[in-house]
Amino acid sequence: LDITSEDFRSIYHLAHRHALGRLFVGVTAGRLMRSAIEPLQPDTTLDKAARTLAGSGYKGLPVVDAKGCVIGMLTETDFLKRLKAGSFLELLLRLLEDSFEFTHRCHETTVSAAMTQPAVTVKREAGFPEILEAFYRHGGRSMPVVGDDGRLLGLLLRKDFFAAHKLKEPL
């Protein structure tokens, strides 16, 4: 077989893509998503949103408009940005300092002022390549799964997506 290194690289990438497609056939956002999600409203204050987020056990929640369409995501990182801290450890250390002055007024600021927008979303039927690309684009721990109309259907966690390949039975 007379092929160049570039030819071999191209064949290898095609074979790899084909193998991944076979391995992850049936892995869709709709099958992996968590559907019992309490989304946030844009006019909710950050103190109430923080309680909802902490109670959910997730690191971020979708923000929806009056029609249920996803318009953003509010994450723990968004709170850190508002508090001008790079990490929770940094925030804790600043709180422990005698000179730290807590000036942010979470009970006056709404979710819409702090959320990340637009949210990176995937549709229910999105397969492995689309989900991987979406997680690559935003690097977050979760993303909303939406219908064709943009309405929230559920939340796909990065850890659930990565754990999907370890299942012994088809999804």
Protein backbone atom coordinates (compact mmCIF):
# COMPACT_ATOMS: atom_id res chain seq x y z
CA LEU A 1 0.00 0.00 0.00
CA ASP A 2 1.62 3.22 -1.14
CA ILE A 3 0.23 6.17 0.86
CA THR A 4 1.74 9.30 2.27
CA SER A 5 1.80 10.20 5.95
CA GLU A 6 -0.93 12.72 5.26
CA ASP A 7 -3.07 10.07 3.55
CA PHE A 8 -2.61 7.78 6.56
CA ARG A 9 -3.54 10.59 8.96
CA SER A 10 -6.73 11.27 6.98
CA ILE A 11 -7.67 7.56 6.91
CA TYR A 12 -6.96 7.25 10.63
CA HIS A 13 -9.18 10.25 11.48
CA LEU A 14 -12.02 8.89 9.34
CA ALA A 15 -11.73 5.46 10.99
CA HIS A 16 -11.62 7.02 14.45
CA ARG A 17 -14.70 9.13 13.77
CA HIS A 18 -16.52 6.07 12.41
CA ALA A 19 -15.56 3.98 15.49
CA LEU A 20 -16.78 6.71 17.85
CA GLY A 21 -20.05 6.87 15.95
CA ARG A 22 -20.56 3.12 16.37
CA LEU A 23 -19.52 3.18 20.02
CA PHE A 24 -21.86 6.01 20.95
CA VAL A 25 -24.84 5.21 18.75
CA GLY A 26 -27.95 5.87 20.80
CA VAL A 27 -26.22 8.34 23.12
CA THR A 28 -28.40 11.41 22.84
CA ALA A 29 -28.91 14.45 25.01
CA GLY A 30 -32.52 13.40 25.56
CA ARG A 31 -31.48 10.04 26.99
CA LEU A 32 -28.80 11.49 29.28
CA MET A 33 -30.51 14.67 30.46
CA ARG A 34 -31.99 15.23 33.88
CA SER A 35 -35.54 16.40 33.42
CA ALA A 36 -36.69 17.49 36.89
CA ILE A 37 -35.04 20.91 36.67
CA GLU A 38 -36.33 24.03 38.38
CA PRO A 39 -35.13 26.84 36.11
CA LEU A 40 -34.51 30.39 37.25
CA GLN A 41 -36.44 33.45 36.14
CA PRO A 42 -34.55 36.54 34.93
CA ASP A 43 -36.18 38.85 37.48
CA THR A 44 -35.33 36.65 40.49
CA THR A 45 -32.86 38.29 42.86
CA LEU A 46 -29.45 36.70 43.27
CA ASP A 47 -29.99 35.86 46.95
CA LYS A 48 -33.07 33.79 46.08
CA ALA A 49 -31.32 32.30 43.04
CA ALA A 50 -28.38 31.27 45.24
CA ARG A 51 -30.74 29.39 47.56
CA THR A 52 -32.38 27.65 44.59
CA LEU A 53 -29.01 26.78 43.06
CA ALA A 54 -27.63 25.43 46.35
CA GLY A 55 -30.79 23.42 46.94
CA SER A 56 -30.65 21.89 43.45
CA GLY A 57 -27.24 20.31 43.94
CA TYR A 58 -26.13 21.59 40.53
CA LYS A 59 -23.35 24.07 39.76
CA GLY A 60 -25.59 26.03 37.39
CA LEU A 61 -29.22 26.36 36.36
CA PRO A 62 -30.87 27.53 33.15
CA VAL A 63 -32.66 30.88 33.08
CA VAL A 64 -35.91 30.89 31.11
CA ASP A 65 -38.27 33.59 29.89
CA ALA A 66 -42.04 33.62 30.40
CA LYS A 67 -42.49 31.10 27.54
CA GLY A 68 -39.99 28.64 29.05
CA CYS A 69 -37.31 29.40 26.46
CA VAL A 70 -33.70 29.30 27.66
CA ILE A 71 -32.13 32.76 27.66
CA GLY A 72 -29.06 32.12 29.81
CA MET A 73 -27.35 30.12 32.53
CA LEU A 74 -26.56 31.19 36.07
CA THR A 75 -23.59 29.35 37.55
CA GLU A 76 -21.48 29.47 40.68
CA THR A 77 -18.80 31.08 38.51
CA ASP A 78 -21.20 33.93 37.69
CA PHE A 79 -21.54 34.59 41.43
CA LEU A 80 -17.76 34.59 41.84
CA LYS A 81 -17.40 37.10 39.00
CA ARG A 82 -19.94 39.41 40.67
CA LEU A 83 -17.95 39.16 43.91
CA LYS A 84 -14.67 39.73 42.04
CA ALA A 85 -13.16 36.41 43.15
CA GLY A 86 -11.42 33.86 40.95
CA SER A 87 -12.36 30.87 43.10
CA PHE A 88 -14.32 29.94 46.20
CA LEU A 89 -11.05 29.53 48.10
CA GLU A 90 -10.04 33.07 47.14
CA LEU A 91 -13.43 34.35 48.29
CA LEU A 92 -13.11 32.48 51.58
CA LEU A 93 -9.66 33.90 52.20
CA ARG A 94 -10.90 37.41 51.46
CA LEU A 95 -13.84 36.91 53.84
CA LEU A 96 -11.41 35.84 56.56
CA GLU A 97 -9.35 39.00 56.14
CA ASP A 98 -10.30 41.75 58.56
CA SER A 99 -10.06 44.32 55.79
CA PHE A 100 -12.49 42.60 53.40
CA GLU A 101 -15.62 44.61 52.84
CA PHE A 102 -18.60 42.77 51.39
CA THR A 103 -20.30 45.36 49.20
CA HIS A 104 -22.29 43.33 46.68
CA ARG A 105 -26.02 43.52 47.32
CA CYS A 106 -27.40 40.19 46.11
CA HIS A 107 -30.91 41.04 47.28
CA GLU A 108 -31.01 43.95 44.81
CA THR A 109 -29.36 42.35 41.77
CA THR A 110 -31.40 40.18 39.42
CA VAL A 111 -30.39 36.97 37.70
CA SER A 112 -30.53 38.71 34.30
CA ALA A 113 -27.70 41.03 35.39
CA ALA A 114 -25.40 38.17 36.37
CA MET A 115 -26.25 35.26 34.08
CA THR A 116 -24.10 34.04 31.22
CA GLN A 117 -25.84 34.63 27.93
CA PRO A 118 -26.55 33.33 25.46
CA ALA A 119 -26.54 29.84 26.93
CA VAL A 120 -24.91 27.06 24.97
CA THR A 121 -27.69 24.51 24.46
CA VAL A 122 -28.23 21.22 22.69
CA LYS A 123 -31.40 19.70 21.31
CA ARG A 124 -32.87 16.46 22.63
CA GLU A 125 -31.75 14.47 19.60
CA ALA A 126 -28.14 15.76 19.70
CA GLY A 127 -25.69 12.88 19.50
CA PHE A 128 -22.16 12.36 20.73
CA PRO A 129 -20.38 14.72 18.31
CA GLU A 130 -22.82 17.61 18.87
CA ILE A 131 -22.72 17.22 22.66
CA LEU A 132 -18.93 17.01 22.69
CA GLU A 133 -18.67 20.13 20.53
CA ALA A 134 -21.09 22.05 22.76
CA PHE A 135 -19.16 21.15 25.94
CA TYR A 136 -15.95 22.10 24.17
CA ARG A 137 -17.37 25.51 23.21
CA HIS A 138 -18.26 26.60 26.73
CA GLY A 139 -16.39 24.30 29.09
CA GLY A 140 -19.15 24.36 31.71
CA ARG A 141 -20.34 21.50 33.86
CA SER A 142 -23.85 21.45 32.46
CA MET A 143 -25.95 22.72 29.60
CA PRO A 144 -29.66 23.01 28.91
CA VAL A 145 -31.37 20.59 26.57
CA VAL A 146 -34.03 22.35 24.52
CA GLY A 147 -36.79 21.51 22.06
CA ASP A 148 -36.96 22.90 18.54
CA ASP A 149 -38.81 25.90 19.97
CA GLY A 150 -35.99 26.70 22.44
CA ARG A 151 -37.99 25.64 25.49
CA LEU A 152 -36.19 23.91 28.33
CA LEU A 153 -36.54 20.12 28.41
CA GLY A 154 -33.79 19.24 30.86
CA LEU A 155 -30.19 19.65 31.92
CA LEU A 156 -27.26 17.61 30.62
CA LEU A 157 -24.42 17.23 33.10
CA ARG A 158 -20.90 16.85 31.77
CA LYS A 159 -20.24 14.03 34.27
CA ASP A 160 -23.29 12.08 33.00
CA PHE A 161 -22.12 12.52 29.43
CA PHE A 162 -18.60 11.27 30.21
CA ALA A 163 -19.96 8.37 32.26
CA ALA A 164 -22.15 7.22 29.33
CA HIS A 165 -19.33 5.23 27.74
CA LYS A 166 -18.99 3.09 30.89
CA LEU A 167 -22.53 1.70 30.69
CA LYS A 168 -22.65 -2.03 30.08
CA GLU A 169 -26.17 -1.93 28.60
CA PRO A 170 -27.38 0.23 25.73
CA LEU A 171 -29.08 3.44 26.74
